[in-house]
């Protein structure tokens, strides 16, 4: 989204539906708009972690008792960026360095795989797990629960109007519709996704993810710094680059 804007490949459009959407879910100039979100939560295996003892803050993850019992994905750049922005670059980096010393399990980039490994007992806690999947497993009776920590990272899927679109007015109508109450309801009922618009009726287990407001990833924040952010992530967590 950021590159499209910088290269003048997208066009601004401020939908009238934006008044019903979270203020941080879209570009103030209208170059992108989040229409669905993936909440990032702290998941834990209830057979290994008592609910009363489960971490309630990111600082709790540094407790020695969680050493070698937690997993993190190898490409959690959204989570990483939001925490650094919320905590501050210096304190955020210090936290990440301390977290890396907790002997994290980093089996790959897939959150689904990490949650499945957690259910199999390979880890006790999964950091930055995708909330929708976690709540689905919980609803099905799997030994899993979650915590919402501050900041509560939300990874949006965006849409944008491209320059020289062959049917720009149709595109605008579609943007308005998918952001409307009807479109957002359809998104959750037919596709099982989590819309950004508040007040949309969700499945009861998904509704648990709306206990707090999301801190949305901003393309204008991560876009210009993506390469350096990835390098920093890889360096802190000891991830080797593959050719």
Protein backbone atom coordinates (compact mmCIF):
# COMPACT_ATOMS: atom_id res chain seq x y z
CA UNK A 1 0.00 0.00 0.00
CA UNK A 2 2.78 2.44 0.91
CA UNK A 3 4.73 1.67 -2.26
CA UNK A 4 1.62 2.14 -4.42
CA UNK A 5 1.14 5.57 -2.89
CA UNK A 6 4.82 6.55 -3.22
CA UNK A 7 4.94 5.47 -6.86
CA UNK A 8 1.66 7.25 -7.61
CA UNK A 9 0.04 3.97 -8.67
CA UNK A 10 -2.94 4.42 -6.36
CA UNK A 11 -5.50 7.19 -6.12
CA UNK A 12 -7.04 8.78 -3.01
CA UNK A 13 -10.63 8.06 -2.08
CA UNK A 14 -12.27 8.84 1.25
CA UNK A 15 -15.38 6.69 1.45
CA UNK A 16 -18.38 8.12 3.31
CA UNK A 17 -18.45 4.79 5.20
CA UNK A 18 -15.19 5.69 6.97
CA UNK A 19 -17.09 7.62 9.63
CA UNK A 20 -18.20 4.24 11.01
CA UNK A 21 -14.71 2.71 10.98
CA UNK A 22 -11.84 2.95 13.49
CA UNK A 23 -9.82 6.13 12.82
CA UNK A 24 -6.49 4.31 12.53
CA UNK A 25 -7.75 1.72 10.05
CA UNK A 26 -7.28 3.93 6.99
CA UNK A 27 -4.93 6.46 5.44
CA UNK A 28 -5.90 10.03 6.29
CA UNK A 29 -5.34 10.96 2.62
CA UNK A 30 -7.48 8.08 1.40
CA UNK A 31 -4.81 5.95 -0.28
CA UNK A 32 -5.67 2.75 1.60
CA UNK A 33 -8.43 1.39 3.78
CA UNK A 34 -8.45 -1.63 6.07
CA UNK A 35 -11.58 -3.73 5.59
CA UNK A 36 -10.79 -6.80 7.72
CA UNK A 37 -8.36 -7.46 10.55
CA UNK A 38 -6.36 -10.33 12.01
CA UNK A 39 -5.96 -9.85 15.79
CA UNK A 40 -2.68 -11.03 17.30
CA UNK A 41 -3.08 -12.64 20.73
CA UNK A 42 -1.04 -14.60 23.23
CA UNK A 43 -2.22 -18.22 23.04
CA UNK A 44 -1.48 -20.84 25.67
CA UNK A 45 -2.02 -24.57 26.15
CA UNK A 46 -4.40 -24.96 29.11
CA UNK A 47 -2.90 -28.35 29.95
CA UNK A 48 0.47 -26.72 30.54
CA UNK A 49 -0.49 -23.23 31.73
CA UNK A 50 -3.07 -22.51 34.41
CA UNK A 51 -5.29 -19.65 33.34
CA UNK A 52 -4.56 -17.75 36.55
CA UNK A 53 -0.82 -17.98 35.88
CA UNK A 54 -0.92 -17.05 32.19
CA UNK A 55 1.05 -13.90 31.30
CA UNK A 56 -0.98 -10.69 31.41
CA UNK A 57 1.62 -8.34 29.96
CA UNK A 58 4.55 -8.54 27.59
CA UNK A 59 6.86 -7.96 30.53
CA UNK A 60 5.53 -11.19 32.08
CA UNK A 61 7.04 -13.11 29.16
CA UNK A 62 10.49 -12.36 30.54
CA UNK A 63 9.80 -14.43 33.66
CA UNK A 64 12.41 -17.25 33.82
CA UNK A 65 9.65 -19.84 34.24
CA UNK A 66 8.65 -19.36 30.59
CA UNK A 67 12.15 -19.95 29.25
CA UNK A 68 12.18 -22.49 26.38
CA UNK A 69 8.38 -22.81 26.60
CA UNK A 70 7.31 -20.14 24.09
CA UNK A 71 7.14 -19.93 20.30
CA UNK A 72 7.38 -16.98 17.92
CA UNK A 73 7.11 -16.88 14.13
CA UNK A 74 10.12 -16.10 11.99
CA UNK A 75 8.30 -13.27 10.17
CA UNK A 76 6.18 -11.50 12.79
CA UNK A 77 7.02 -8.05 11.42
CA UNK A 78 3.57 -6.56 12.10
CA UNK A 79 3.73 -7.49 15.78
CA UNK A 80 7.36 -6.35 15.98
CA UNK A 81 6.66 -2.97 14.37
CA UNK A 82 3.60 -2.22 16.51
CA UNK A 83 5.41 -3.05 19.75
CA UNK A 84 8.45 -0.94 18.87
CA UNK A 85 6.19 2.00 18.01
CA UNK A 86 4.06 1.61 21.13
CA UNK A 87 6.85 1.01 23.65
CA UNK A 88 9.41 3.22 21.93
CA UNK A 89 12.44 2.20 19.83
CA UNK A 90 14.91 2.02 22.73
CA UNK A 91 12.73 0.25 25.31
CA UNK A 92 11.14 -1.85 22.58
CA UNK A 93 14.52 -3.08 21.33
CA UNK A 94 15.65 -3.83 24.88
CA UNK A 95 12.48 -5.86 25.45
CA UNK A 96 12.95 -7.82 22.22
CA UNK A 97 16.57 -8.58 23.10
CA UNK A 98 15.51 -9.83 26.53
CA UNK A 99 12.73 -11.90 24.96
CA UNK A 100 15.21 -13.49 22.55
CA UNK A 101 17.20 -14.74 25.54
CA UNK A 102 14.16 -16.82 26.58
CA UNK A 103 15.18 -19.57 24.14
CA UNK A 104 12.14 -19.14 21.90
CA UNK A 105 11.00 -21.90 19.59
CA UNK A 106 10.86 -20.43 16.06
CA UNK A 107 9.70 -23.28 13.79
CA UNK A 108 8.69 -21.11 10.83
CA UNK A 109 6.46 -18.28 9.65
CA UNK A 110 3.08 -20.03 9.92
CA UNK A 111 0.97 -19.06 12.92
CA UNK A 112 -1.40 -21.97 12.26
CA UNK A 113 1.50 -24.41 12.46
CA UNK A 114 2.70 -22.89 15.73
CA UNK A 115 -0.78 -23.13 17.25
CA UNK A 116 -1.01 -26.76 16.15
CA UNK A 117 2.39 -27.47 17.69
CA UNK A 118 1.19 -25.76 20.87
CA UNK A 119 -1.86 -28.04 20.96
CA UNK A 120 0.46 -31.02 20.50
CA UNK A 121 2.40 -29.94 23.58
CA UNK A 122 5.52 -28.73 21.77
CA UNK A 123 5.24 -25.34 23.49
CA UNK A 124 3.17 -23.85 26.28
CA UNK A 125 2.73 -20.35 24.83
CA UNK A 126 2.47 -18.98 21.29
CA UNK A 127 3.32 -15.28 20.95
CA UNK A 128 1.49 -13.29 18.24
CA UNK A 129 -0.94 -16.09 17.40
CA UNK A 130 -3.80 -15.33 15.01
CA UNK A 131 -6.84 -14.77 17.18
CA UNK A 132 -9.51 -16.09 14.83
CA UNK A 133 -7.86 -19.48 14.59
CA UNK A 134 -7.25 -19.63 18.34
CA UNK A 135 -10.90 -18.89 19.14
CA UNK A 136 -12.04 -21.51 16.62
CA UNK A 137 -9.94 -24.19 18.29
CA UNK A 138 -11.12 -23.06 21.72
CA UNK A 139 -14.77 -23.24 20.62
CA UNK A 140 -14.18 -26.78 19.36
CA UNK A 141 -12.99 -27.84 22.81
CA UNK A 142 -9.24 -27.87 22.20
CA UNK A 143 -7.00 -27.20 25.25
CA UNK A 144 -6.27 -23.61 24.30
CA UNK A 145 -7.04 -20.14 25.59
CA UNK A 146 -5.62 -16.68 25.03
CA UNK A 147 -4.73 -13.33 26.52
CA UNK A 148 -5.04 -9.92 24.90
CA UNK A 149 -1.94 -7.92 25.77
CA UNK A 150 -1.25 -4.21 25.38
CA UNK A 151 -0.60 -3.08 22.72
CA UNK A 152 -3.24 -5.22 21.01
CA UNK A 153 -1.84 -5.63 17.51
CA UNK A 154 -4.22 -5.84 14.59
CA UNK A 155 -3.01 -6.82 11.11
CA UNK A 156 -5.44 -5.40 8.53
CA UNK A 157 -6.04 -6.43 4.96
CA UNK A 158 -6.24 -3.28 2.86
CA UNK A 159 -7.86 -2.18 -0.34
CA UNK A 160 -6.95 0.74 -2.59
CA UNK A 161 -8.16 2.42 -5.74
CA UNK A 162 -5.51 2.10 -8.46
CA UNK A 163 -4.69 4.86 -10.88
CA UNK A 164 -6.18 4.44 -14.36
CA UNK A 165 -8.56 1.70 -13.21
CA UNK A 166 -10.63 0.61 -16.24
CA UNK A 167 -13.89 1.00 -14.27
CA UNK A 168 -13.12 3.46 -11.44
CA UNK A 169 -16.75 4.18 -10.55
CA UNK A 170 -17.47 0.47 -10.12
CA UNK A 171 -14.39 0.26 -7.90
CA UNK A 172 -15.68 3.12 -5.74
CA UNK A 173 -19.07 1.45 -5.40
CA UNK A 174 -17.38 -1.78 -4.33
CA UNK A 175 -15.21 0.03 -1.75
CA UNK A 176 -18.31 1.72 -0.30
CA UNK A 177 -20.18 -1.60 -0.20
CA UNK A 178 -17.47 -3.70 1.45
CA UNK A 179 -17.07 -1.02 4.14
CA UNK A 180 -20.84 -0.72 4.68
CA UNK A 181 -22.76 -2.58 7.35
CA UNK A 182 -24.13 -4.92 4.67
CA UNK A 183 -20.72 -5.65 3.18
CA UNK A 184 -19.00 -6.11 6.52
CA UNK A 185 -21.77 -8.45 7.68
CA UNK A 186 -21.42 -10.44 4.47
CA UNK A 187 -17.67 -10.64 5.05
CA UNK A 188 -18.10 -12.35 8.40
CA UNK A 189 -21.11 -14.54 7.50
CA UNK A 190 -19.94 -15.83 4.12
CA UNK A 191 -16.15 -15.71 4.47
CA UNK A 192 -15.69 -16.10 8.22
CA UNK A 193 -13.44 -13.05 8.34
CA UNK A 194 -13.20 -10.34 11.02
CA UNK A 195 -14.41 -6.97 9.69
CA UNK A 196 -13.03 -3.70 11.03
CA UNK A 197 -16.42 -2.04 11.38
CA UNK A 198 -17.74 -2.03 14.93
CA UNK A 199 -21.21 -3.30 15.73
CA UNK A 200 -21.18 -6.16 13.23
CA UNK A 201 -22.68 -9.32 14.70
CA UNK A 202 -19.95 -11.92 15.13
CA UNK A 203 -19.96 -15.53 16.15
CA UNK A 204 -19.85 -15.64 19.99
CA UNK A 205 -16.33 -17.04 20.15
CA UNK A 206 -15.02 -14.42 17.71
CA UNK A 207 -16.68 -11.69 19.76
CA UNK A 208 -14.19 -12.46 22.54
CA UNK A 209 -11.53 -10.81 20.37
CA UNK A 210 -13.24 -7.42 20.68
CA UNK A 211 -12.53 -6.88 24.38
CA UNK A 212 -10.07 -4.11 23.52
CA UNK A 213 -9.41 -1.81 20.59
CA UNK A 214 -6.81 -2.85 18.07
CA UNK A 215 -3.61 -0.98 17.34
CA UNK A 216 -3.63 -1.23 13.56
CA UNK A 217 -0.52 -1.72 11.49
CA UNK A 218 0.10 1.42 9.40
CA UNK A 219 1.64 1.05 5.92
CA UNK A 220 3.11 4.57 6.26
CA UNK A 221 4.96 3.39 9.36
CA UNK A 222 6.23 0.00 8.27
CA UNK A 223 6.57 0.73 4.54
CA UNK A 224 9.60 3.08 4.53
CA UNK A 225 11.42 0.99 7.16
CA UNK A 226 10.52 -2.56 6.14
CA UNK A 227 13.99 -3.72 5.07
CA UNK A 228 15.73 -2.33 8.16
CA UNK A 229 12.92 -3.71 10.35
CA UNK A 230 13.38 -7.19 8.89
CA UNK A 231 17.15 -6.98 9.39
CA UNK A 232 16.65 -5.90 13.01
CA UNK A 233 14.17 -8.72 13.63
CA UNK A 234 16.50 -11.32 12.13
CA UNK A 235 19.47 -10.03 14.09
CA UNK A 236 17.70 -9.93 17.46
CA UNK A 237 16.12 -13.38 17.13
CA UNK A 238 19.06 -15.02 15.36
CA UNK A 239 17.21 -15.88 12.16
CA UNK A 240 19.50 -16.90 9.34
CA UNK A 241 18.71 -15.61 5.88
CA UNK A 242 18.25 -18.22 3.17
CA UNK A 243 19.36 -17.58 -0.38
